[in-house]
C-alpha atoms as a PDB file:
ATOM      1  CA  ILE A   1       0.000   0.000   0.000  1.00  0.00           C
ATOM      2  CA  ARG A   2       1.344   3.388  -0.951  1.00  0.00           C
ATOM      3  CA  PRO A   3      -0.038   6.803  -0.004  1.00  0.00           C
ATOM      4  CA  LEU A   4      -2.282   8.740  -2.355  1.00  0.00           C
ATOM      5  CA  LEU A   5      -0.746  11.615  -4.257  1.00  0.00           C
ATOM      6  CA  ALA A   6      -0.739  14.862  -2.319  1.00  0.00           C
ATOM      7  CA  ALA A   7      -3.171  17.675  -3.000  1.00  0.00           C
ATOM      8  CA  ALA A   8      -2.084  20.308  -5.509  1.00  0.00           C
ATOM      9  CA  ASP A   9      -0.900  23.711  -4.288  1.00  0.00           C
ATOM     10  CA  LEU A  10      -3.357  26.295  -5.599  1.00  0.00           C
ATOM     11  CA  SER A  11      -2.249  29.094  -3.290  1.00  0.00           C
ATOM     12  CA  MET A  12      -0.600  31.049  -6.101  1.00  0.00           C
ATOM     13  CA  LEU A  13      -3.794  31.373  -8.138  1.00  0.00           C
ATOM     14  CA  PRO A  14      -5.081  34.932  -8.362  1.00  0.00           C
ATOM     15  CA  ALA A  15      -8.274  35.559  -6.434  1.00  0.00           C
ATOM     16  CA  ARG A  16      -9.706  37.541  -9.342  1.00  0.00           C
ATOM     17  CA  PHE A  17      -9.617  36.967 -13.095  1.00  0.00           C
ATOM     18  CA  THR A  18     -10.506  39.808 -15.479  1.00  0.00           C
ATOM     19  CA  ASP A  19     -10.353  37.913 -18.793  1.00  0.00           C
ATOM     20  CA  ALA A  20     -12.954  35.161 -19.026  1.00  0.00           C
ATOM     21  CA  ASP A  21     -12.147  34.466 -22.672  1.00  0.00           C
ATOM     22  CA  TYR A  22      -8.623  33.251 -21.913  1.00  0.00           C
ATOM     23  CA  LEU A  23      -8.475  31.987 -18.343  1.00  0.00           C
ATOM     24  CA  VAL A  24      -5.416  29.977 -17.337  1.00  0.00           C
ATOM     25  CA  ILE A  25      -5.312  27.932 -14.119  1.00  0.00           C
ATOM     26  CA  ASN A  26      -1.940  26.444 -13.256  1.00  0.00           C
ATOM     27  CA  TRP A  27      -0.131  25.054 -10.237  1.00  0.00           C
ATOM     28  CA  PRO A  28       3.250  23.477  -9.359  1.00  0.00           C
ATOM     29  CA  GLU A  29       3.809  20.009 -10.775  1.00  0.00           C
ATOM     30  CA  LEU A  30       3.287  17.122  -8.353  1.00  0.00           C
ATOM     31  CA  GLU A  31       5.833  14.305  -8.138  1.00  0.00           C
ATOM     32  CA  ASN A  32       4.617  10.997  -9.612  1.00  0.00           C
ATOM     33  CA  ALA A  33       1.563  12.600 -11.181  1.00  0.00           C
ATOM     34  CA  ALA A  34       0.724  11.274 -14.637  1.00  0.00           C
ATOM     35  CA  SER A  35      -2.244  13.592 -15.150  1.00  0.00           C
ATOM     36  CA  TYR A  36      -4.658  15.870 -13.341  1.00  0.00           C
ATOM     37  CA  GLN A  37      -8.427  16.031 -13.046  1.00  0.00           C
ATOM     38  CA  VAL A  38      -9.788  19.559 -12.802  1.00  0.00           C
ATOM     39  CA  SER A  39     -13.360  20.616 -12.026  1.00  0.00           C
ATOM     40  CA  LEU A  40     -14.845  24.090 -12.028  1.00  0.00           C
ATOM     41  CA  ALA A  41     -18.132  24.603 -10.190  1.00  0.00           C
ATOM     42  CA  SER A  42     -20.349  27.575  -9.404  1.00  0.00           C
ATOM     43  CA  ASP A  43     -21.260  26.395  -5.890  1.00  0.00           C
ATOM     44  CA  ASN A  44     -19.286  25.523  -2.769  1.00  0.00           C
ATOM     45  CA  ASP A  45     -20.528  21.912  -2.762  1.00  0.00           C
ATOM     46  CA  MET A  46     -19.326  21.514  -6.351  1.00  0.00           C
ATOM     47  CA  GLN A  47     -22.682  20.199  -7.526  1.00  0.00           C
ATOM     48  CA  GLN A  48     -23.121  22.818 -10.257  1.00  0.00           C
ATOM     49  CA  VAL A  49     -20.155  21.788 -12.384  1.00  0.00           C
ATOM     50  CA  VAL A  50     -19.281  24.157 -15.218  1.00  0.00           C
ATOM     51  CA  ALA A  51     -16.296  22.238 -16.592  1.00  0.00           C
ATOM     52  CA  ASN A  52     -14.501  18.910 -16.135  1.00  0.00           C
ATOM     53  CA  ILE A  53     -11.045  18.713 -17.696  1.00  0.00           C
ATOM     54  CA  GLU A  54      -8.274  16.116 -17.664  1.00  0.00           C
ATOM     55  CA  SER A  55      -4.790  17.434 -18.339  1.00  0.00           C
ATOM     56  CA  GLU A  56      -1.385  15.795 -18.629  1.00  0.00           C
ATOM     57  CA  THR A  57       0.251  19.002 -17.404  1.00  0.00           C
ATOM     58  CA  PRO A  58      -0.441  21.147 -14.318  1.00  0.00           C
ATOM     59  CA  LEU A  59      -2.346  23.685 -16.363  1.00  0.00           C
ATOM     60  CA  VAL A  60      -5.809  24.085 -17.871  1.00  0.00           C
ATOM     61  CA  LYS A  61      -7.313  26.776 -20.081  1.00  0.00           C
ATOM     62  CA  LEU A  62     -10.936  27.900 -20.140  1.00  0.00           C
ATOM     63  CA  THR A  63     -12.902  30.286 -22.301  1.00  0.00           C
ATOM     64  CA  GLY A  64     -16.345  31.873 -22.482  1.00  0.00           C
ATOM     65  CA  LEU A  65     -17.056  31.900 -18.748  1.00  0.00           C
ATOM     66  CA  GLU A  66     -19.607  34.195 -17.154  1.00  0.00           C
ATOM     67  CA  ASP A  67     -18.839  36.558 -14.302  1.00  0.00           C
ATOM     68  CA  GLY A  68     -19.295  35.049 -10.865  1.00  0.00           C
ATOM     69  CA  GLU A  69     -17.760  33.107  -7.994  1.00  0.00           C
ATOM     70  CA  TYR A  70     -16.328  29.663  -8.741  1.00  0.00           C
ATOM     71  CA  ILE A  71     -14.651  26.772  -6.955  1.00  0.00           C
ATOM     72  CA  VAL A  72     -11.707  25.024  -8.612  1.00  0.00           C
ATOM     73  CA  GLY A  73     -10.995  21.403  -7.634  1.00  0.00           C
ATOM     74  CA  VAL A  74      -7.770  19.648  -8.658  1.00  0.00           C
ATOM     75  CA  ARG A  75      -6.769  15.995  -8.144  1.00  0.00           C
ATOM     76  CA  ALA A  76      -3.530  14.375  -9.292  1.00  0.00           C
ATOM     77  CA  VAL A  77      -3.669  10.922 -10.921  1.00  0.00           C
ATOM     78  CA  ASP A  78      -0.715   8.514 -10.712  1.00  0.00           C
ATOM     79  CA  MET A  79       0.630   6.132 -13.363  1.00  0.00           C
ATOM     80  CA  GLU A  80      -1.828   3.421 -12.339  1.00  0.00           C
ATOM     81  CA  GLY A  81      -4.835   5.706 -12.559  1.00  0.00           C
ATOM     82  CA  ILE A  82      -5.295   6.103  -8.813  1.00  0.00           C
ATOM     83  CA  ILE A  83      -6.703   9.506  -7.935  1.00  0.00           C
ATOM     84  CA  GLY A  84      -5.005  11.536  -5.210  1.00  0.00           C
ATOM     85  CA  PHE A  85      -6.283  14.030  -2.668  1.00  0.00           C
ATOM     86  CA  GLU A  86      -8.377  16.924  -3.916  1.00  0.00           C
ATOM     87  CA  LYS A  87      -7.511  20.572  -3.397  1.00  0.00           C
ATOM     88  CA  VAL A  88     -10.232  23.192  -3.803  1.00  0.00           C
ATOM     89  CA  HIS A  89      -9.763  26.915  -4.218  1.00  0.00           C
ATOM     90  CA  GLY A  90     -12.163  29.799  -4.767  1.00  0.00           C
ATOM     91  CA  ILE A  91     -11.771  32.227  -7.650  1.00  0.00           C
ATOM     92  CA  SER A  92     -13.757  35.209  -8.840  1.00  0.00           C
ATOM     93  CA  ILE A  93     -14.320  36.181 -12.476  1.00  0.00           C
ATOM     94  CA  LYS A  94     -14.944  39.909 -13.016  1.00  0.00           C
ATOM     95  CA  ALA A  95     -14.571  40.368 -16.751  1.00  0.00           C
ATOM     96  CA  GLN A  96     -17.786  42.086 -17.829  1.00  0.00           C
ATOM     97  CA  PRO A  97     -18.386  44.536 -19.311  1.00  0.00           C
ATOM     98  CA  VAL A  98     -15.248  44.299 -21.415  1.00  0.00           C
ATOM     99  CA  PHE A  99     -13.113  47.400 -21.869  1.00  0.00           C
ATOM    100  CA  PRO A 100     -13.408  49.580 -24.981  1.00  0.00           C
ATOM    101  CA  PHE A 101     -10.750  49.562 -27.674  1.00  0.00           C
ATOM    102  CA  TYR A 102      -8.678  52.680 -28.246  1.00  0.00           C
ATOM    103  CA  LEU A 103      -9.219  54.713 -31.409  1.00  0.00           C
ATOM    104  CA  ALA A 104      -7.011  57.771 -30.962  1.00  0.00           C
ATOM    105  CA  PRO A 105      -4.398  58.905 -30.300  1.00  0.00           C
ATOM    106  CA  ALA A 106      -2.294  56.017 -31.539  1.00  0.00           C
ATOM    107  CA  ASN A 107      -0.132  54.356 -28.907  1.00  0.00           C
ATOM    108  CA  HIS A 108       3.030  56.419 -28.198  1.00  0.00           C
ATOM    109  CA  GLN A 109       1.754  59.208 -30.479  1.00  0.00           C
ATOM    110  CA  ILE A 110       3.082  62.735 -30.073  1.00  0.00           C
ATOM    111  CA  THR A 111       0.284  65.226 -29.425  1.00  0.00           C
ATOM    112  CA  GLY A 112      -0.399  68.811 -28.444  1.00  0.00           C
ATOM    113  CA  ASN A 113      -1.655  70.069 -25.106  1.00  0.00           C
ATOM    114  CA  LYS A 114      -5.298  69.502 -26.069  1.00  0.00           C
ATOM    115  CA  VAL A 115      -6.023  65.881 -26.972  1.00  0.00           C
ATOM    116  CA  ASP A 116      -9.245  64.206 -28.057  1.00  0.00           C
ATOM    117  CA  LEU A 117      -9.160  60.745 -26.484  1.00  0.00           C
ATOM    118  CA  LEU A 118     -11.406  58.474 -28.549  1.00  0.00           C
ATOM    119  CA  CYS A 119     -12.467  54.872 -27.940  1.00  0.00           C
ATOM    120  CA  THR A 120     -15.056  52.390 -29.146  1.00  0.00           C
ATOM    121  CA  GLN A 121     -18.379  51.674 -27.546  1.00  0.00           C
ATOM    122  CA  VAL A 122     -19.084  48.234 -26.037  1.00  0.00           C
ATOM    123  CA  LEU A 123     -22.244  46.262 -26.756  1.00  0.00           C
ATOM    124  CA  GLY A 124     -24.514  46.522 -23.712  1.00  0.00           C
ATOM    125  CA  ALA A 125     -22.623  49.359 -22.023  1.00  0.00           C
ATOM    126  CA  SER A 126     -24.336  52.603 -21.029  1.00  0.00           C
ATOM    127  CA  ALA A 127     -21.359  54.700 -19.910  1.00  0.00           C
ATOM    128  CA  TYR A 128     -17.577  54.828 -20.093  1.00  0.00           C
ATOM    129  CA  ARG A 129     -14.848  55.814 -17.659  1.00  0.00           C
ATOM    130  CA  LEU A 130     -11.581  57.312 -18.871  1.00  0.00           C
ATOM    131  CA  GLN A 131      -8.510  58.072 -16.799  1.00  0.00           C
ATOM    132  CA  VAL A 132      -5.324  59.971 -17.652  1.00  0.00           C
ATOM    133  CA  SER A 133      -2.228  59.844 -15.467  1.00  0.00           C
ATOM    134  CA  ARG A 134       1.455  60.742 -15.515  1.00  0.00           C
ATOM    135  CA  SER A 135       2.210  57.385 -13.837  1.00  0.00           C
ATOM    136  CA  GLN A 136       1.478  53.921 -15.212  1.00  0.00           C
ATOM    137  CA  ASP A 137      -0.093  52.765 -11.939  1.00  0.00           C
ATOM    138  CA  PHE A 138      -2.674  55.597 -12.054  1.00  0.00           C
ATOM    139  CA  SER A 139      -1.992  56.391  -8.403  1.00  0.00           C
ATOM    140  CA  SER A 140      -2.724  60.051  -9.115  1.00  0.00           C
ATOM    141  CA  ALA A 141      -5.002  60.405 -12.133  1.00  0.00           C
ATOM    142  CA  ILE A 142      -5.208  63.932 -13.532  1.00  0.00           C
ATOM    143  CA  VAL A 143      -8.377  63.014 -15.443  1.00  0.00           C
ATOM    144  CA  ASP A 144     -11.053  60.652 -14.125  1.00  0.00           C
ATOM    145  CA  ALA A 145     -14.206  61.188 -16.174  1.00  0.00           C
ATOM    146  CA  VAL A 146     -17.392  59.235 -16.843  1.00  0.00           C
ATOM    147  CA  HIS A 147     -19.307  59.874 -20.066  1.00  0.00           C
ATOM    148  CA  GLN A 148     -22.718  58.526 -20.998  1.00  0.00           C
ATOM    149  CA  ASP A 149     -23.249  56.633 -24.253  1.00  0.00           C
ATOM    150  CA  ALA A 150     -20.105  57.743 -26.115  1.00  0.00           C
ATOM    151  CA  CYS A 151     -16.550  56.753 -25.236  1.00  0.00           C
ATOM    152  CA  GLY A 152     -14.284  59.775 -25.417  1.00  0.00           C
ATOM    153  CA  HIS A 153     -12.875  62.741 -23.545  1.00  0.00           C
ATOM    154  CA  THR A 154     -11.027  65.930 -24.426  1.00  0.00           C
ATOM    155  CA  ALA A 155      -8.013  66.521 -22.182  1.00  0.00           C
ATOM    156  CA  THR A 156      -6.851  70.143 -22.107  1.00  0.00           C
ATOM    157  CA  ASP A 157      -3.975  72.245 -20.787  1.00  0.00           C
ATOM    158  CA  LEU A 158      -1.595  69.305 -20.651  1.00  0.00           C
ATOM    159  CA  GLU A 159       2.011  70.023 -19.799  1.00  0.00           C
ATOM    160  CA  ASN A 160       4.831  68.575 -21.856  1.00  0.00           C
ATOM    161  CA  GLY A 161       5.664  64.958 -21.027  1.00  0.00           C
ATOM    162  CA  ARG A 162       4.444  61.386 -21.227  1.00  0.00           C
ATOM    163  CA  TYR A 163       0.894  60.388 -20.293  1.00  0.00           C
ATOM    164  CA  PHE A 164      -0.925  57.094 -19.772  1.00  0.00           C
ATOM    165  CA  TRP A 165      -4.644  56.595 -20.347  1.00  0.00           C
ATOM    166  CA  ARG A 166      -7.084  53.744 -19.905  1.00  0.00           C
ATOM    167  CA  THR A 167     -10.783  53.034 -20.299  1.00  0.00           C
ATOM    168  CA  ALA A 168     -13.542  50.911 -18.774  1.00  0.00           C
ATOM    169  CA  ALA A 169     -17.168  50.278 -19.694  1.00  0.00           C
ATOM    170  CA  ILE A 170     -20.136  50.564 -17.332  1.00  0.00           C
ATOM    171  CA  THR A 171     -23.472  48.764 -17.554  1.00  0.00           C
ATOM    172  CA  SER A 172     -26.754  49.698 -15.894  1.00  0.00           C
ATOM    173  CA  ALA A 173     -29.182  47.133 -14.509  1.00  0.00           C
ATOM    174  CA  ALA A 174     -32.951  47.495 -14.351  1.00  0.00           C
ATOM    175  CA  ASP A 175     -32.747  48.156 -10.602  1.00  0.00           C
ATOM    176  CA  GLY A 176     -30.468  51.154 -11.196  1.00  0.00           C
ATOM    177  CA  GLN A 177     -27.279  49.413 -10.124  1.00  0.00           C
ATOM    178  CA  HIS A 178     -24.151  50.196 -12.139  1.00  0.00           C
ATOM    179  CA  LYS A 179     -21.333  47.768 -12.839  1.00  0.00           C
ATOM    180  CA  GLN A 180     -17.917  48.805 -14.062  1.00  0.00           C
ATOM    181  CA  GLY A 181     -15.783  46.279 -15.888  1.00  0.00           C
ATOM    182  CA  PRO A 182     -11.986  46.007 -15.815  1.00  0.00           C
ATOM    183  CA  PHE A 183      -9.818  48.797 -17.147  1.00  0.00           C
ATOM    184  CA  SER A 184      -7.874  48.306 -20.354  1.00  0.00           C
ATOM    185  CA  GLU A 185      -4.103  48.018 -20.180  1.00  0.00           C
ATOM    186  CA  PRO A 186      -2.790  51.604 -20.470  1.00  0.00           C
ATOM    187  CA  ALA A 187      -1.897  53.220 -23.767  1.00  0.00           C
ATOM    188  CA  GLN A 188       0.524  56.144 -23.961  1.00  0.00           C
ATOM    189  CA  PHE A 189       0.877  59.495 -25.668  1.00  0.00           C
ATOM    190  CA  GLU A 190       3.410  62.276 -25.321  1.00  0.00           C
ATOM    191  CA  VAL A 191       2.864  66.029 -25.313  1.00  0.00           C
ATOM    192  CA  ILE A 192       5.882  67.856 -26.701  1.00  0.00           C
ATOM    193  CA  ASP A 193       4.357  71.130 -27.859  1.00  0.00           C
ATOM    194  CA  SER A 194       2.106  72.703 -25.266  1.00  0.00           C
ATOM    195  CA  THR A 195       0.938  75.388 -27.676  1.00  0.00           C
ATOM    196  CA  SER A 196      -0.884  73.179 -30.174  1.00  0.00           C
ATOM    197  CA  ALA A 197      -3.952  70.969 -30.175  1.00  0.00           C
ATOM    198  CA  SER A 198      -4.416  67.464 -31.531  1.00  0.00           C
ATOM    199  CA  ASN A 199      -7.671  66.373 -33.146  1.00  0.00           C
ATOM    200  CA  PHE A 200      -8.250  62.887 -34.539  1.00  0.00           C
ATOM    201  CA  GLN A 201     -11.451  63.021 -36.544  1.00  0.00           C
ATOM    202  CA  ILE A 202     -10.871  59.894 -38.652  1.00  0.00           C
ATOM    203  CA  PRO A 203      -9.047  57.143 -36.709  1.00  0.00           C
ATOM    204  CA  SER A 204      -7.291  54.646 -38.961  1.00  0.00           C
ATOM    205  CA  GLY A 205      -7.914  51.728 -36.642  1.00  0.00           C
ATOM    206  CA  ALA A 206      -8.891  50.361 -33.266  1.00  0.00           C
ATOM    207  CA  PHE A 207      -6.339  48.858 -30.908  1.00  0.00           C
ATOM    208  CA  TRP A 208      -5.684  47.641 -27.400  1.00  0.00           C
ATOM    209  CA  VAL A 209      -2.578  46.736 -25.390  1.00  0.00           C
ATOM    210  CA  ASP A 210      -1.874  43.076 -24.588  1.00  0.00           C
ATOM    211  CA  ASN A 211       1.586  41.757 -23.746  1.00  0.00           C
ATOM    212  CA  ARG A 212       0.628  38.081 -23.561  1.00  0.00           C
ATOM    213  CA  ASN A 213       1.969  35.623 -26.116  1.00  0.00           C
ATOM    214  CA  LEU A 214      -1.274  35.426 -28.089  1.00  0.00           C
ATOM    215  CA  SER A 215      -2.207  35.963 -31.716  1.00  0.00           C
ATOM    216  CA  PHE A 216      -5.516  37.607 -32.555  1.00  0.00           C
ATOM    217  CA  SER A 217      -8.020  37.712 -35.380  1.00  0.00           C
ATOM    218  CA  ALA A 218     -10.925  40.100 -35.802  1.00  0.00           C
ATOM    219  CA  GLN A 219     -14.274  40.154 -37.564  1.00  0.00           C
ATOM    220  CA  ILE A 220     -16.125  43.320 -38.536  1.00  0.00           C
ATOM    221  CA  SER A 221     -19.860  43.178 -39.111  1.00  0.00           C
ATOM    222  CA  ARG A 222     -22.740  45.489 -39.902  1.00  0.00           C
ATOM    223  CA  ASP A 223     -24.893  43.783 -37.232  1.00  0.00           C
ATOM    224  CA  GLU A 224     -24.340  42.559 -33.700  1.00  0.00           C
ATOM    225  CA  ASP A 225     -25.051  38.892 -34.454  1.00  0.00           C
ATOM    226  CA  PHE A 226     -22.365  38.905 -37.182  1.00  0.00           C
ATOM    227  CA  SER A 227     -24.627  37.684 -39.945  1.00  0.00           C
ATOM    228  CA  SER A 228     -23.322  40.463 -42.191  1.00  0.00           C
ATOM    229  CA  ILE A 229     -19.532  40.277 -41.899  1.00  0.00           C
ATOM    230  CA  VAL A 230     -17.733  42.841 -44.038  1.00  0.00           C
ATOM    231  CA  GLY A 231     -14.158  42.099 -43.017  1.00  0.00           C
ATOM    232  CA  GLU A 232     -11.873  39.584 -41.306  1.00  0.00           C
ATOM    233  CA  GLN A 233      -8.307  40.311 -40.268  1.00  0.00           C
ATOM    234  CA  ALA A 234      -5.330  38.474 -38.816  1.00  0.00           C
ATOM    235  CA  LEU A 235      -3.982  41.135 -36.490  1.00  0.00           C
ATOM    236  CA  GLN A 236      -0.530  42.541 -35.954  1.00  0.00           C
ATOM    237  CA  ASP A 237       0.139  44.198 -32.576  1.00  0.00           C
ATOM    238  CA  GLN A 238      -3.557  44.164 -31.596  1.00  0.00           C
ATOM    239  CA  PHE A 239      -4.446  46.692 -34.326  1.00  0.00           C
ATOM    240  CA  ILE A 240      -7.694  46.457 -36.313  1.00  0.00           C
ATOM    241  CA  SER A 241      -7.681  48.468 -39.528  1.00  0.00           C
ATOM    242  CA  LEU A 242     -10.779  50.556 -40.196  1.00  0.00           C
ATOM    243  CA  ASP A 243      -9.650  51.717 -43.631  1.00  0.00           C
ATOM    244  CA  ASN A 244     -12.036  51.419 -46.579  1.00  0.00           C
ATOM    245  CA  LEU A 245     -15.155  51.135 -44.412  1.00  0.00           C
ATOM    246  CA  SER A 246     -18.063  53.189 -45.642  1.00  0.00           C
ATOM    247  CA  PRO A 247     -19.838  55.513 -43.175  1.00  0.00           C
ATOM    248  CA  GLY A 248     -21.986  53.763 -40.581  1.00  0.00           C
ATOM    249  CA  SER A 249     -21.803  51.696 -37.413  1.00  0.00           C
ATOM    250  CA  TYR A 250     -19.844  48.457 -37.217  1.00  0.00           C
ATOM    251  CA  TYR A 251     -19.439  45.679 -34.652  1.00  0.00           C
ATOM    252  CA  ILE A 252     -15.990  44.235 -33.958  1.00  0.00           C
ATOM    253  CA  ARG A 253     -15.189  41.003 -32.168  1.00  0.00           C
ATOM    254  CA  ILE A 254     -11.855  39.301 -31.624  1.00  0.00           C
ATOM    255  CA  GLN A 255     -10.596  35.785 -31.017  1.00  0.00           C
ATOM    256  CA  ALA A 256      -7.240  34.740 -29.529  1.00  0.00           C
ATOM    257  CA  THR A 257      -5.036  31.711 -30.213  1.00  0.00           C
ATOM    258  CA  ASP A 258      -2.034  30.735 -28.099  1.00  0.00           C
ATOM    259  CA  ILE A 259       1.140  28.810 -28.947  1.00  0.00           C
ATOM    260  CA  ASP A 260      -0.646  25.523 -28.168  1.00  0.00           C
ATOM    261  CA  ASN A 261      -3.385  26.373 -30.700  1.00  0.00           C
ATOM    262  CA  PHE A 262      -5.939  26.862 -27.935  1.00  0.00           C
ATOM    263  CA  THR A 263      -8.548  29.215 -29.423  1.00  0.00           C
ATOM    264  CA  THR A 264     -10.859  31.340 -27.337  1.00  0.00           C
ATOM    265  CA  ALA A 265     -14.517  32.114 -27.770  1.00  0.00           C
ATOM    266  CA  HIS A 266     -15.394  35.295 -29.652  1.00  0.00           C
ATOM    267  CA  SER A 267     -15.246  38.384 -27.481  1.00  0.00           C
ATOM    268  CA  THR A 268     -18.099  40.703 -26.621  1.00  0.00           C
ATOM    269  CA  PRO A 269     -18.456  43.058 -29.614  1.00  0.00           C
ATOM    270  CA  ARG A 270     -17.150  46.589 -29.580  1.00  0.00           C
ATOM    271  CA  ILE A 271     -18.900  49.212 -31.697  1.00  0.00           C
ATOM    272  CA  VAL A 272     -17.292  51.839 -33.892  1.00  0.00           C
ATOM    273  CA  THR A 273     -18.997  54.502 -35.987  1.00  0.00           C
ATOM    274  CA  ILE A 274     -17.364  55.667 -39.215  1.00  0.00           C
ATOM    275  CA  LYS A 275     -18.374  59.232 -40.000  1.00  0.00           C
ATOM    276  CA  PRO A 276     -18.539  60.704 -43.504  1.00  0.00           C
ATOM    277  CA  VAL A 277     -15.433  62.579 -44.589  1.00  0.00           C
ATOM    278  CA  GLU A 278     -16.171  66.284 -44.701  1.00  0.00           C
ATOM    279  CA  ASP A 279     -15.413  68.151 -47.893  1.00  0.00           C
ATOM    280  CA  THR A 280     -12.639  70.557 -46.942  1.00  0.00           C
ATOM    281  CA  VAL A 281     -11.698  71.691 -50.460  1.00  0.00           C
ATOM    282  CA  GLU A 282     -11.808  75.477 -50.730  1.00  0.00           C
ATOM    283  CA  ARG A 283     -13.962  76.700 -53.600  1.00  0.00           C
ATOM    284  CA  THR A 284     -12.469  79.043 -56.190  1.00  0.00           C
ATOM    285  CA  TRP A 285     -13.941  82.505 -56.810  1.00  0.00           C
ATOM    286  CA  ALA A 286     -15.640  81.180 -59.972  1.00  0.00           C
ATOM    287  CA  ASP A 287     -17.735  78.472 -58.254  1.00  0.00           C
ATOM    288  CA  LYS A 288     -18.624  80.343 -55.056  1.00  0.00           C
ATOM    289  CA  PRO A 289     -22.298  81.296 -54.846  1.00  0.00           C
ATOM    290  CA  LYS A 290     -23.192  84.879 -55.688  1.00  0.00           C
ATOM    291  CA  TYR A 291     -25.179  86.914 -53.176  1.00  0.00           C
END
């Protein structure tokens, strides 16, 4: 008779996950373990099981999970198929509503002291929060604004230097309660001429910041159920081109693939509106109207 394999150490798992489309649960490898059985449940008694996964490595990946409180259970299995002690650990998923994508300024762009910060809308969101800070940890935000319906803010009287900004979406429930989703990873811009303004009326693309080793694809559709797709792109540097789109509203969703070819569910759609290009050509004296 030999002892059962020890319980896995789940103490290093984060208490909160903010990306439910690519959720990675991992733990230190156990000696003599040939595989692992992993369960994810939405109740403490683990009766409401959301996922059962068997893995040969001390790591599992999940996608498409809803916000809520979950219990993770992990058991190691030895070479003879005997199941070891179970370890359970609580996690919280707070991923909705998803953050907006940035539209302008471009990341690391040089701007003037007045900057129009533009971002996409998010399907289901009713308001948007934007922050601007001189520090990447946003410990002292110089702008912290909430705007209804549209995602954008004009920052004025900025001194020369580097700035970070980030966005979050807010939903409203029928009972009047508001829920803010996670902030985006910060983008940057730099003010080098405090006497000029920067206006970005026609963004060339939407982007976000993500330093994980993932590749992304995007779909652009005229409708929210993506029955009228007008474009698909394999992305470079998390940038979605909006060139050659006619005026109107479009829905954008993304999908990630990692180095193991694990592919996520489609994201919640973001919404971007392409405005008509204004005619800025000056008329000559001959074709100006006579009064």
